[in-house]
Amino acid sequence: EGLRRFRRDKNIAEILLQHDKALPHTSLETQKELKKLGWTVLPYPPHSPDLAALDFHLFVSLRGAICGETFGSLDEVTEEAKKWLRVQNPDWYTKGINAVFAHWHKMVEIGGDFVEE
């Protein structure tokens, strides 16, 4: 309903949707609703550094930093991630941003095919 209000000028039956494999997106109820709406769900490749090179840089580094840790809640995980991000050297951020441009450049050179590390 919110989409109908937001995009009054568009036919919502022509929606192309791409989302990850999170449970709310893949639940049977969600899949039935998307089918009922007639929306096309585009495949989402798992862990594609080409689509989200900056996220790839972030999560590989963060995963290494918290590997083996045990958290009691999502709030604890969120707080630990925020602490970790605050102490990163500015060069770490620069490296991640530059990696995005390097990946995009490779993709253009090879016509959009998958780019490996």
PDB file of N, CA and C in Angstrom:
ATOM      1  N   GLU A   1       0.830  -1.194   0.000  1.00  0.00           N
ATOM      2  CA  GLU A   1       0.000   0.000   0.000  1.00  0.00           C
ATOM      3  C   GLU A   1       0.877   1.260   0.000  1.00  0.00           C
ATOM      4  N   GLY A   2       1.956   1.222   0.786  1.00  0.00           N
ATOM      5  CA  GLY A   2       2.868   2.364   0.825  1.00  0.00           C
ATOM      6  C   GLY A   2       3.481   2.640  -0.533  1.00  0.00           C
ATOM      7  N   LEU A   3       3.806   1.597  -1.267  1.00  0.00           N
ATOM      8  CA  LEU A   3       4.371   1.758  -2.603  1.00  0.00           C
ATOM      9  C   LEU A   3       3.354   2.378  -3.549  1.00  0.00           C
ATOM     10  N   ARG A   4       2.102   1.986  -3.410  1.00  0.00           N
ATOM     11  CA  ARG A   4       1.053   2.578  -4.253  1.00  0.00           C
ATOM     12  C   ARG A   4       0.986   4.094  -4.046  1.00  0.00           C
ATOM     13  N   ARG A   5       1.069   4.527  -2.789  1.00  0.00           N
ATOM     14  CA  ARG A   5       1.020   5.964  -2.499  1.00  0.00           C
ATOM     15  C   ARG A   5       2.277   6.662  -3.003  1.00  0.00           C
ATOM     16  N   PHE A   6       3.420   6.007  -2.831  1.00  0.00           N
ATOM     17  CA  PHE A   6       4.696   6.597  -3.206  1.00  0.00           C
ATOM     18  C   PHE A   6       4.845   6.724  -4.717  1.00  0.00           C
ATOM     19  N   ARG A   7       4.399   5.725  -5.456  1.00  0.00           N
ATOM     20  CA  ARG A   7       4.566   5.701  -6.907  1.00  0.00           C
ATOM     21  C   ARG A   7       3.213   5.678  -7.614  1.00  0.00           C
ATOM     22  N   ARG A   8       2.410   6.674  -7.379  1.00  0.00           N
ATOM     23  CA  ARG A   8       1.076   6.741  -7.990  1.00  0.00           C
ATOM     24  C   ARG A   8       1.138   6.734  -9.513  1.00  0.00           C
ATOM     25  N   ASP A   9       2.233   7.249 -10.050  1.00  0.00           N
ATOM     26  CA  ASP A   9       2.351   7.373 -11.502  1.00  0.00           C
ATOM     27  C   ASP A   9       2.802   6.085 -12.182  1.00  0.00           C
ATOM     28  N   LYS A  10       3.126   5.060 -11.416  1.00  0.00           N
ATOM     29  CA  LYS A  10       3.642   3.816 -11.992  1.00  0.00           C
ATOM     30  C   LYS A  10       2.679   2.661 -11.759  1.00  0.00           C
ATOM     31  N   ASN A  11       2.686   1.729 -12.686  1.00  0.00           N
ATOM     32  CA  ASN A  11       1.921   0.498 -12.542  1.00  0.00           C
ATOM     33  C   ASN A  11       2.744  -0.437 -11.666  1.00  0.00           C
ATOM     34  N   ILE A  12       2.273  -0.704 -10.446  1.00  0.00           N
ATOM     35  CA  ILE A  12       3.096  -1.506  -9.540  1.00  0.00           C
ATOM     36  C   ILE A  12       3.194  -2.959  -9.971  1.00  0.00           C
ATOM     37  N   ALA A  13       2.435  -3.368 -10.951  1.00  0.00           N
ATOM     38  CA  ALA A  13       2.566  -4.728 -11.472  1.00  0.00           C
ATOM     39  C   ALA A  13       3.845  -4.870 -12.299  1.00  0.00           C
ATOM     40  N   GLU A  14       4.464  -3.748 -12.663  1.00  0.00           N
ATOM     41  CA  GLU A  14       5.684  -3.776 -13.470  1.00  0.00           C
ATOM     42  C   GLU A  14       6.948  -3.679 -12.616  1.00  0.00           C
ATOM     43  N   ILE A  15       6.822  -3.937 -11.335  1.00  0.00           N
ATOM     44  CA  ILE A  15       7.947  -3.804 -10.412  1.00  0.00           C
ATOM     45  C   ILE A  15       8.942  -4.950 -10.597  1.00  0.00           C
ATOM     46  N   LEU A  16      10.212  -4.608 -10.645  1.00  0.00           N
ATOM     47  CA  LEU A  16      11.304  -5.576 -10.590  1.00  0.00           C
ATOM     48  C   LEU A  16      11.929  -5.418  -9.212  1.00  0.00           C
ATOM     49  N   LEU A  17      12.025  -6.501  -8.473  1.00  0.00           N
ATOM     50  CA  LEU A  17      12.503  -6.443  -7.096  1.00  0.00           C
ATOM     51  C   LEU A  17      13.734  -7.324  -6.935  1.00  0.00           C
ATOM     52  N   GLN A  18      14.743  -6.775  -6.286  1.00  0.00           N
ATOM     53  CA  GLN A  18      15.912  -7.586  -5.948  1.00  0.00           C
ATOM     54  C   GLN A  18      16.173  -7.400  -4.468  1.00  0.00           C
ATOM     55  N   HIS A  19      16.174  -8.507  -3.750  1.00  0.00           N
ATOM     56  CA  HIS A  19      16.486  -8.461  -2.330  1.00  0.00           C
ATOM     57  C   HIS A  19      17.350  -9.659  -1.977  1.00  0.00           C
ATOM     58  N   ASP A  20      17.944  -9.604  -0.798  1.00  0.00           N
ATOM     59  CA  ASP A  20      18.836 -10.692  -0.407  1.00  0.00           C
ATOM     60  C   ASP A  20      18.030 -11.881   0.110  1.00  0.00           C
ATOM     61  N   LYS A  21      18.722 -12.832   0.687  1.00  0.00           N
ATOM     62  CA  LYS A  21      18.084 -14.073   1.134  1.00  0.00           C
ATOM     63  C   LYS A  21      17.649 -14.018   2.596  1.00  0.00           C
ATOM     64  N   ALA A  22      17.478 -12.837   3.154  1.00  0.00           N
ATOM     65  CA  ALA A  22      17.031 -12.710   4.540  1.00  0.00           C
ATOM     66  C   ALA A  22      15.652 -13.355   4.695  1.00  0.00           C
ATOM     67  N   LEU A  23      15.400 -13.926   5.859  1.00  0.00           N
ATOM     68  CA  LEU A  23      14.172 -14.671   6.106  1.00  0.00           C
ATOM     69  C   LEU A  23      12.899 -13.897   5.751  1.00  0.00           C
ATOM     70  N   PRO A  24      12.787 -12.615   6.109  1.00  0.00           N
ATOM     71  CA  PRO A  24      11.552 -11.908   5.728  1.00  0.00           C
ATOM     72  C   PRO A  24      11.316 -11.868   4.218  1.00  0.00           C
ATOM     73  N   HIS A  25      12.381 -11.934   3.444  1.00  0.00           N
ATOM     74  CA  HIS A  25      12.261 -11.884   1.984  1.00  0.00           C
ATOM     75  C   HIS A  25      11.943 -13.241   1.377  1.00  0.00           C
ATOM     76  N   THR A  26      12.349 -14.308   2.042  1.00  0.00           N
ATOM     77  CA  THR A  26      12.208 -15.647   1.470  1.00  0.00           C
ATOM     78  C   THR A  26      11.080 -16.457   2.090  1.00  0.00           C
ATOM     79  N   SER A  27      10.386 -15.886   3.056  1.00  0.00           N
ATOM     80  CA  SER A  27       9.311 -16.635   3.710  1.00  0.00           C
ATOM     81  C   SER A  27       8.211 -16.967   2.703  1.00  0.00           C
ATOM     82  N   LEU A  28       7.509 -18.038   2.965  1.00  0.00           N
ATOM     83  CA  LEU A  28       6.428 -18.469   2.081  1.00  0.00           C
ATOM     84  C   LEU A  28       5.375 -17.371   1.940  1.00  0.00           C
ATOM     85  N   GLU A  29       5.070 -16.711   3.052  1.00  0.00           N
ATOM     86  CA  GLU A  29       4.068 -15.631   3.027  1.00  0.00           C
ATOM     87  C   GLU A  29       4.510 -14.500   2.086  1.00  0.00           C
ATOM     88  N   THR A  30       5.769 -14.113   2.179  1.00  0.00           N
ATOM     89  CA  THR A  30       6.290 -13.056   1.306  1.00  0.00           C
ATOM     90  C   THR A  30       6.257 -13.491  -0.150  1.00  0.00           C
ATOM     91  N   GLN A  31       6.695 -14.717  -0.416  1.00  0.00           N
ATOM     92  CA  GLN A  31       6.713 -15.225  -1.787  1.00  0.00           C
ATOM     93  C   GLN A  31       5.309 -15.255  -2.389  1.00  0.00           C
ATOM     94  N   LYS A  32       4.324 -15.672  -1.588  1.00  0.00           N
ATOM     95  CA  LYS A  32       2.934 -15.693  -2.070  1.00  0.00           C
ATOM     96  C   LYS A  32       2.453 -14.285  -2.400  1.00  0.00           C
ATOM     97  N   GLU A  33       2.779 -13.325  -1.534  1.00  0.00           N
ATOM     98  CA  GLU A  33       2.348 -11.944  -1.757  1.00  0.00           C
ATOM     99  C   GLU A  33       2.991 -11.367  -3.021  1.00  0.00           C
ATOM    100  N   LEU A  34       4.272 -11.632  -3.219  1.00  0.00           N
ATOM    101  CA  LEU A  34       4.955 -11.141  -4.417  1.00  0.00           C
ATOM    102  C   LEU A  34       4.354 -11.752  -5.679  1.00  0.00           C
ATOM    103  N   LYS A  35       4.029 -13.032  -5.604  1.00  0.00           N
ATOM    104  CA  LYS A  35       3.408 -13.698  -6.755  1.00  0.00           C
ATOM    105  C   LYS A  35       2.032 -13.100  -7.036  1.00  0.00           C
ATOM    106  N   LYS A  36       1.274 -12.854  -5.959  1.00  0.00           N
ATOM    107  CA  LYS A  36      -0.058 -12.263  -6.110  1.00  0.00           C
ATOM    108  C   LYS A  36       0.036 -10.879  -6.756  1.00  0.00           C
ATOM    109  N   LEU A  37       1.056 -10.112  -6.380  1.00  0.00           N
ATOM    110  CA  LEU A  37       1.246  -8.782  -6.951  1.00  0.00           C
ATOM    111  C   LEU A  37       1.757  -8.836  -8.390  1.00  0.00           C
ATOM    112  N   GLY A  38       2.297  -9.990  -8.783  1.00  0.00           N
ATOM    113  CA  GLY A  38       2.824 -10.131 -10.133  1.00  0.00           C
ATOM    114  C   GLY A  38       4.199  -9.513 -10.310  1.00  0.00           C
ATOM    115  N   TRP A  39       4.909  -9.299  -9.208  1.00  0.00           N
ATOM    116  CA  TRP A  39       6.226  -8.688  -9.284  1.00  0.00           C
ATOM    117  C   TRP A  39       7.262  -9.712  -9.718  1.00  0.00           C
ATOM    118  N   THR A  40       8.254  -9.240 -10.430  1.00  0.00           N
ATOM    119  CA  THR A  40       9.361 -10.085 -10.843  1.00  0.00           C
ATOM    120  C   THR A  40      10.480  -9.948  -9.818  1.00  0.00           C
ATOM    121  N   VAL A  41      10.900 -11.079  -9.250  1.00  0.00           N
ATOM    122  CA  VAL A  41      12.002 -11.070  -8.287  1.00  0.00           C
ATOM    123  C   VAL A  41      13.274 -11.478  -9.024  1.00  0.00           C
ATOM    124  N   LEU A  42      14.226 -10.568  -9.052  1.00  0.00           N
ATOM    125  CA  LEU A  42      15.500 -10.825  -9.716  1.00  0.00           C
ATOM    126  C   LEU A  42      16.413 -11.613  -8.782  1.00  0.00           C
ATOM    127  N   PRO A  43      17.221 -12.507  -9.326  1.00  0.00           N
ATOM    128  CA  PRO A  43      18.127 -13.274  -8.463  1.00  0.00           C
ATOM    129  C   PRO A  43      19.176 -12.365  -7.828  1.00  0.00           C
ATOM    130  N   TYR A  44      19.557 -12.700  -6.629  1.00  0.00           N
ATOM    131  CA  TYR A  44      20.562 -11.940  -5.899  1.00  0.00           C
ATOM    132  C   TYR A  44      21.750 -12.851  -5.632  1.00  0.00           C
ATOM    133  N   PRO A  45      22.892 -12.602  -6.262  1.00  0.00           N
ATOM    134  CA  PRO A  45      24.034 -13.494  -6.070  1.00  0.00           C
ATOM    135  C   PRO A  45      24.587 -13.380  -4.654  1.00  0.00           C
ATOM    136  N   PRO A  46      24.884 -14.503  -4.020  1.00  0.00           N
ATOM    137  CA  PRO A  46      25.417 -14.451  -2.656  1.00  0.00           C
ATOM    138  C   PRO A  46      26.857 -13.949  -2.639  1.00  0.00           C
ATOM    139  N   HIS A  47      27.157 -13.082  -1.708  1.00  0.00           N
ATOM    140  CA  HIS A  47      28.518 -12.616  -1.457  1.00  0.00           C
ATOM    141  C   HIS A  47      29.225 -12.143  -2.713  1.00  0.00           C
ATOM    142  N   SER A  48      28.587 -11.298  -3.482  1.00  0.00           N
ATOM    143  CA  SER A  48      29.209 -10.815  -4.705  1.00  0.00           C
ATOM    144  C   SER A  48      29.987  -9.535  -4.427  1.00  0.00           C
ATOM    145  N   PRO A  49      31.317  -9.584  -4.453  1.00  0.00           N
ATOM    146  CA  PRO A  49      32.095  -8.369  -4.232  1.00  0.00           C
ATOM    147  C   PRO A  49      31.912  -7.350  -5.350  1.00  0.00           C
ATOM    148  N   ASP A  50      31.406  -7.776  -6.498  1.00  0.00           N
ATOM    149  CA  ASP A  50      31.182  -6.839  -7.598  1.00  0.00           C
ATOM    150  C   ASP A  50      30.024  -5.902  -7.313  1.00  0.00           C
ATOM    151  N   LEU A  51      29.000  -6.412  -6.638  1.00  0.00           N
ATOM    152  CA  LEU A  51      27.820  -5.597  -6.395  1.00  0.00           C
ATOM    153  C   LEU A  51      27.985  -4.690  -5.194  1.00  0.00           C
ATOM    154  N   ALA A  52      28.798  -5.104  -4.230  1.00  0.00           N
ATOM    155  CA  ALA A  52      28.942  -4.320  -3.016  1.00  0.00           C
ATOM    156  C   ALA A  52      30.381  -4.414  -2.517  1.00  0.00           C
ATOM    157  N   ALA A  53      31.302  -3.874  -3.275  1.00  0.00           N
ATOM    158  CA  ALA A  53      32.716  -3.994  -2.917  1.00  0.00           C
ATOM    159  C   ALA A  53      33.010  -3.355  -1.565  1.00  0.00           C
ATOM    160  N   LEU A  54      32.362  -2.238  -1.267  1.00  0.00           N
ATOM    161  CA  LEU A  54      32.598  -1.584   0.017  1.00  0.00           C
ATOM    162  C   LEU A  54      32.080  -2.446   1.161  1.00  0.00           C
ATOM    163  N   ASP A  55      30.900  -3.044   0.979  1.00  0.00           N
ATOM    164  CA  ASP A  55      30.380  -3.962   1.990  1.00  0.00           C
ATOM    165  C   ASP A  55      31.301  -5.158   2.147  1.00  0.00           C
ATOM    166  N   PHE A  56      31.824  -5.651   1.036  1.00  0.00           N
ATOM    167  CA  PHE A  56      32.735  -6.791   1.072  1.00  0.00           C
ATOM    168  C   PHE A  56      33.951  -6.443   1.924  1.00  0.00           C
ATOM    169  N   HIS A  57      34.530  -5.277   1.714  1.00  0.00           N
ATOM    170  CA  HIS A  57      35.686  -4.805   2.491  1.00  0.00           C
ATOM    171  C   HIS A  57      35.329  -4.727   3.971  1.00  0.00           C
ATOM    172  N   LEU A  58      34.183  -4.161   4.260  1.00  0.00           N
ATOM    173  CA  LEU A  58      33.748  -3.993   5.647  1.00  0.00           C
ATOM    174  C   LEU A  58      33.529  -5.329   6.334  1.00  0.00           C
ATOM    175  N   PHE A  59      32.717  -6.192   5.743  1.00  0.00           N
ATOM    176  CA  PHE A  59      32.306  -7.401   6.443  1.00  0.00           C
ATOM    177  C   PHE A  59      33.417  -8.432   6.567  1.00  0.00           C
ATOM    178  N   VAL A  60      34.308  -8.503   5.596  1.00  0.00           N
ATOM    179  CA  VAL A  60      35.441  -9.422   5.736  1.00  0.00           C
ATOM    180  C   VAL A  60      36.316  -8.971   6.904  1.00  0.00           C
ATOM    181  N   SER A  61      36.567  -7.678   6.997  1.00  0.00           N
ATOM    182  CA  SER A  61      37.391  -7.150   8.086  1.00  0.00           C
ATOM    183  C   SER A  61      36.693  -7.292   9.434  1.00  0.00           C
ATOM    184  N   LEU A  62      35.422  -6.950   9.493  1.00  0.00           N
ATOM    185  CA  LEU A  62      34.669  -7.040  10.745  1.00  0.00           C
ATOM    186  C   LEU A  62      34.543  -8.486  11.196  1.00  0.00           C
ATOM    187  N   ARG A  63      34.296  -9.376  10.260  1.00  0.00           N
ATOM    188  CA  ARG A  63      34.183 -10.795  10.603  1.00  0.00           C
ATOM    189  C   ARG A  63      35.465 -11.276  11.275  1.00  0.00           C
ATOM    190  N   GLY A  64      36.603 -10.870  10.754  1.00  0.00           N
ATOM    191  CA  GLY A  64      37.870 -11.257  11.359  1.00  0.00           C
ATOM    192  C   GLY A  64      38.047 -10.682  12.757  1.00  0.00           C
ATOM    193  N   ALA A  65      37.525  -9.484  12.976  1.00  0.00           N
ATOM    194  CA  ALA A  65      37.678  -8.825  14.275  1.00  0.00           C
ATOM    195  C   ALA A  65      36.810  -9.447  15.364  1.00  0.00           C
ATOM    196  N   ILE A  66      35.650  -9.971  15.005  1.00  0.00           N
ATOM    197  CA  ILE A  66      34.750 -10.504  16.042  1.00  0.00           C
ATOM    198  C   ILE A  66      34.650 -12.025  16.020  1.00  0.00           C
ATOM    199  N   CYS A  67      35.474 -12.663  15.202  1.00  0.00           N
ATOM    200  CA  CYS A  67      35.458 -14.120  15.106  1.00  0.00           C
ATOM    201  C   CYS A  67      35.679 -14.740  16.487  1.00  0.00           C
ATOM    202  N   GLY A  68      34.819 -15.658  16.863  1.00  0.00           N
ATOM    203  CA  GLY A  68      34.939 -16.339  18.143  1.00  0.00           C
ATOM    204  C   GLY A  68      34.248 -15.639  19.292  1.00  0.00           C
ATOM    205  N   GLU A  69      33.782 -14.423  19.089  1.00  0.00           N
ATOM    206  CA  GLU A  69      33.063 -13.687  20.133  1.00  0.00           C
ATOM    207  C   GLU A  69      31.652 -14.234  20.275  1.00  0.00           C
ATOM    208  N   THR A  70      31.107 -14.122  21.476  1.00  0.00           N
ATOM    209  CA  THR A  70      29.724 -14.522  21.729  1.00  0.00           C
ATOM    210  C   THR A  70      28.954 -13.290  22.181  1.00  0.00           C
ATOM    211  N   PHE A  71      27.804 -13.081  21.578  1.00  0.00           N
ATOM    212  CA  PHE A  71      26.981 -11.923  21.908  1.00  0.00           C
ATOM    213  C   PHE A  71      25.624 -12.398  22.398  1.00  0.00           C
ATOM    214  N   GLY A  72      25.086 -11.687  23.372  1.00  0.00           N
ATOM    215  CA  GLY A  72      23.808 -12.076  23.956  1.00  0.00           C
ATOM    216  C   GLY A  72      22.606 -11.464  23.268  1.00  0.00           C
ATOM    217  N   SER A  73      22.838 -10.470  22.418  1.00  0.00           N
ATOM    218  CA  SER A  73      21.707  -9.810  21.761  1.00  0.00           C
ATOM    219  C   SER A  73      22.188  -9.081  20.515  1.00  0.00           C
ATOM    220  N   LEU A  74      21.239  -8.705  19.691  1.00  0.00           N
ATOM    221  CA  LEU A  74      21.554  -7.919  18.500  1.00  0.00           C
ATOM    222  C   LEU A  74      22.136  -6.565  18.901  1.00  0.00           C
ATOM    223  N   ASP A  75      21.641  -5.995  19.999  1.00  0.00           N
ATOM    224  CA  ASP A  75      22.174  -4.714  20.472  1.00  0.00           C
ATOM    225  C   ASP A  75      23.660  -4.816  20.800  1.00  0.00           C
ATOM    226  N   GLU A  76      24.079  -5.932  21.407  1.00  0.00           N
ATOM    227  CA  GLU A  76      25.496  -6.129  21.724  1.00  0.00           C
ATOM    228  C   GLU A  76      26.335  -6.218  20.448  1.00  0.00           C
ATOM    229  N   VAL A  77      25.832  -6.919  19.457  1.00  0.00           N
ATOM    230  CA  VAL A  77      26.543  -7.029  18.179  1.00  0.00           C
ATOM    231  C   VAL A  77      26.676  -5.651  17.539  1.00  0.00           C
ATOM    232  N   THR A  78      25.578  -4.913  17.531  1.00  0.00           N
ATOM    233  CA  THR A  78      25.571  -3.573  16.939  1.00  0.00           C
ATOM    234  C   THR A  78      26.562  -2.662  17.638  1.00  0.00           C
ATOM    235  N   GLU A  79      26.567  -2.686  18.960  1.00  0.00           N
ATOM    236  CA  GLU A  79      27.480  -1.832  19.725  1.00  0.00           C
ATOM    237  C   GLU A  79      28.938  -2.205  19.465  1.00  0.00           C
ATOM    238  N   GLU A  80      29.228  -3.494  19.414  1.00  0.00           N
ATOM    239  CA  GLU A  80      30.598  -3.942  19.145  1.00  0.00           C
ATOM    240  C   GLU A  80      31.043  -3.510  17.745  1.00  0.00           C
ATOM    241  N   ALA A  81      30.154  -3.615  16.774  1.00  0.00           N
ATOM    242  CA  ALA A  81      30.487  -3.183  15.412  1.00  0.00           C
ATOM    243  C   ALA A  81      30.754  -1.681  15.376  1.00  0.00           C
ATOM    244  N   LYS A  82      29.946  -0.906  16.074  1.00  0.00           N
ATOM    245  CA  LYS A  82      30.159   0.548  16.121  1.00  0.00           C
ATOM    246  C   LYS A  82      31.500   0.889  16.756  1.00  0.00           C
ATOM    247  N   LYS A  83      31.831   0.207  17.858  1.00  0.00           N
ATOM    248  CA  LYS A  83      33.130   0.441  18.516  1.00  0.00           C
ATOM    249  C   LYS A  83      34.269   0.132  17.555  1.00  0.00           C
ATOM    250  N   TRP A  84      34.149  -0.983  16.864  1.00  0.00           N
ATOM    251  CA  TRP A  84      35.198  -1.399  15.934  1.00  0.00           C
ATOM    252  C   TRP A  84      35.369  -0.371  14.815  1.00  0.00           C
ATOM    253  N   LEU A  85      34.258   0.126  14.286  1.00  0.00           N
ATOM    254  CA  LEU A  85      34.325   1.114  13.205  1.00  0.00           C
ATOM    255  C   LEU A  85      34.969   2.416  13.673  1.00  0.00           C
ATOM    256  N   ARG A  86      34.711   2.802  14.932  1.00  0.00           N
ATOM    257  CA  ARG A  86      35.266   4.058  15.459  1.00  0.00           C
ATOM    258  C   ARG A  86      36.791   4.039  15.563  1.00  0.00           C
ATOM    259  N   VAL A  87      37.373   2.865  15.769  1.00  0.00           N
ATOM    260  CA  VAL A  87      38.822   2.805  15.984  1.00  0.00           C
ATOM    261  C   VAL A  87      39.612   2.519  14.706  1.00  0.00           C
ATOM    262  N   GLN A  88      38.941   2.379  13.586  1.00  0.00           N
ATOM    263  CA  GLN A  88      39.654   2.099  12.341  1.00  0.00           C
ATOM    264  C   GLN A  88      40.397   3.342  11.865  1.00  0.00           C
ATOM    265  N   ASN A  89      41.576   3.113  11.351  1.00  0.00           N
ATOM    266  CA  ASN A  89      42.406   4.160  10.798  1.00  0.00           C
ATOM    267  C   ASN A  89      41.744   4.713   9.532  1.00  0.00           C
ATOM    268  N   PRO A  90      41.825   6.018   9.304  1.00  0.00           N
ATOM    269  CA  PRO A  90      41.241   6.577   8.071  1.00  0.00           C
ATOM    270  C   PRO A  90      41.740   5.898   6.794  1.00  0.00           C
ATOM    271  N   ASP A  91      42.970   5.402   6.817  1.00  0.00           N
ATOM    272  CA  ASP A  91      43.495   4.698   5.640  1.00  0.00           C
ATOM    273  C   ASP A  91      42.695   3.434   5.331  1.00  0.00           C
ATOM    274  N   TRP A  92      42.145   2.805   6.367  1.00  0.00           N
ATOM    275  CA  TRP A  92      41.329   1.605   6.164  1.00  0.00           C
ATOM    276  C   TRP A  92      40.088   1.958   5.331  1.00  0.00           C
ATOM    277  N   TYR A  93      39.457   3.091   5.663  1.00  0.00           N
ATOM    278  CA  TYR A  93      38.281   3.532   4.908  1.00  0.00           C
ATOM    279  C   TYR A  93      38.664   3.894   3.473  1.00  0.00           C
ATOM    280  N   THR A  94      39.792   4.586   3.325  1.00  0.00           N
ATOM    281  CA  THR A  94      40.259   4.963   1.987  1.00  0.00           C
ATOM    282  C   THR A  94      40.502   3.726   1.131  1.00  0.00           C
ATOM    283  N   LYS A  95      41.123   2.716   1.719  1.00  0.00           N
ATOM    284  CA  LYS A  95      41.390   1.474   0.994  1.00  0.00           C
ATOM    285  C   LYS A  95      40.085   0.839   0.514  1.00  0.00           C
ATOM    286  N   GLY A  96      39.073   0.815   1.369  1.00  0.00           N
ATOM    287  CA  GLY A  96      37.784   0.229   0.992  1.00  0.00           C
ATOM    288  C   GLY A  96      37.102   0.992  -0.125  1.00  0.00           C
ATOM    289  N   ILE A  97      37.140   2.311  -0.039  1.00  0.00           N
ATOM    290  CA  ILE A  97      36.514   3.133  -1.078  1.00  0.00           C
ATOM    291  C   ILE A  97      37.258   2.969  -2.406  1.00  0.00           C
ATOM    292  N   ASN A  98      38.579   2.941  -2.345  1.00  0.00           N
ATOM    293  CA  ASN A  98      39.363   2.741  -3.572  1.00  0.00           C
ATOM    294  C   ASN A  98      39.101   1.372  -4.183  1.00  0.00           C
ATOM    295  N   ALA A  99      38.834   0.378  -3.338  1.00  0.00           N
ATOM    296  CA  ALA A  99      38.528  -0.963  -3.847  1.00  0.00           C
ATOM    297  C   ALA A  99      37.251  -0.954  -4.687  1.00  0.00           C
ATOM    298  N   VAL A 100      36.293  -0.119  -4.299  1.00  0.00           N
ATOM    299  CA  VAL A 100      35.047  -0.008  -5.070  1.00  0.00           C
ATOM    300  C   VAL A 100      35.365   0.431  -6.497  1.00  0.00           C
ATOM    301  N   PHE A 101      36.169   1.471  -6.621  1.00  0.00           N
ATOM    302  CA  PHE A 101      36.507   1.979  -7.953  1.00  0.00           C
ATOM    303  C   PHE A 101      37.297   0.957  -8.758  1.00  0.00           C
ATOM    304  N   ALA A 102      38.196   0.244  -8.099  1.00  0.00           N
ATOM    305  CA  ALA A 102      38.975  -0.781  -8.798  1.00  0.00           C
ATOM    306  C   ALA A 102      38.061  -1.890  -9.319  1.00  0.00           C
ATOM    307  N   HIS A 103      37.096  -2.323  -8.504  1.00  0.00           N
ATOM    308  CA  HIS A 103      36.154  -3.360  -8.936  1.00  0.00           C
ATOM    309  C   HIS A 103      35.288  -2.864 -10.090  1.00  0.00           C
ATOM    310  N   TRP A 104      34.797  -1.633  -9.996  1.00  0.00           N
ATOM    311  CA  TRP A 104      33.974  -1.086 -11.074  1.00  0.00           C
ATOM    312  C   TRP A 104      34.773  -1.025 -12.373  1.00  0.00           C
ATOM    313  N   HIS A 105      36.017  -0.588 -12.273  1.00  0.00           N
ATOM    314  CA  HIS A 105      36.868  -0.493 -13.463  1.00  0.00           C
ATOM    315  C   HIS A 105      37.047  -1.874 -14.097  1.00  0.00           C
ATOM    316  N   LYS A 106      37.311  -2.893 -13.274  1.00  0.00           N
ATOM    317  CA  LYS A 106      37.452  -4.256 -13.796  1.00  0.00           C
ATOM    318  C   LYS A 106      36.169  -4.715 -14.478  1.00  0.00           C
ATOM    319  N   MET A 107      35.031  -4.405 -13.865  1.00  0.00           N
ATOM    320  CA  MET A 107      33.751  -4.818 -14.445  1.00  0.00           C
ATOM    321  C   MET A 107      33.540  -4.190 -15.810  1.00  0.00           C
ATOM    322  N   VAL A 108      33.872  -2.925 -15.945  1.00  0.00           N
ATOM    323  CA  VAL A 108      33.720  -2.242 -17.231  1.00  0.00           C
ATOM    324  C   VAL A 108      34.644  -2.874 -18.265  1.00  0.00           C
ATOM    325  N   GLU A 109      35.871  -3.167 -17.865  1.00  0.00           N
ATOM    326  CA  GLU A 109      36.839  -3.757 -18.795  1.00  0.00           C
ATOM    327  C   GLU A 109      36.390  -5.115 -19.330  1.00  0.00           C
ATOM    328  N   ILE A 110      35.715  -5.901 -18.494  1.00  0.00           N
ATOM    329  CA  ILE A 110      35.321  -7.252 -18.925  1.00  0.00           C
ATOM    330  C   ILE A 110      33.836  -7.348 -19.263  1.00  0.00           C
ATOM    331  N   GLY A 111      33.200  -6.214 -19.437  1.00  0.00           N
ATOM    332  CA  GLY A 111      31.818  -6.202 -19.896  1.00  0.00           C
ATOM    333  C   GLY A 111      30.792  -6.654 -18.876  1.00  0.00           C
ATOM    334  N   GLY A 112      31.090  -6.478 -17.589  1.00  0.00           N
ATOM    335  CA  GLY A 112      30.106  -6.782 -16.557  1.00  0.00           C
ATOM    336  C   GLY A 112      30.141  -8.189 -16.012  1.00  0.00           C
ATOM    337  N   ASP A 113      31.063  -9.015 -16.482  1.00  0.00           N
ATOM    338  CA  ASP A 113      31.170 -10.364 -15.938  1.00  0.00           C
ATOM    339  C   ASP A 113      31.673 -10.316 -14.500  1.00  0.00           C
ATOM    340  N   PHE A 114      31.593 -11.451 -13.817  1.00  0.00           N
ATOM    341  CA  PHE A 114      32.008 -11.535 -12.423  1.00  0.00           C
ATOM    342  C   PHE A 114      33.489 -11.213 -12.281  1.00  0.00           C
ATOM    343  N   VAL A 115      33.820 -10.419 -11.273  1.00  0.00           N
ATOM    344  CA  VAL A 115      35.201 -10.040 -10.993  1.00  0.00           C
ATOM    345  C   VAL A 115      35.641 -10.756  -9.731  1.00  0.00           C
ATOM    346  N   GLU A 116      36.708 -11.530  -9.832  1.00  0.00           N
ATOM    347  CA  GLU A 116      37.240 -12.196  -8.646  1.00  0.00           C
ATOM    348  C   GLU A 116      38.273 -11.299  -8.002  1.00  0.00           C
ATOM    349  N   GLU A 117      38.553 -11.573  -6.723  1.00  0.00           N
ATOM    350  CA  GLU A 117      39.552 -10.795  -5.983  1.00  0.00           C
ATOM    351  C   GLU A 117      40.896 -10.872  -6.653  1.00  0.00           C
TER     352      GLU A 117
END
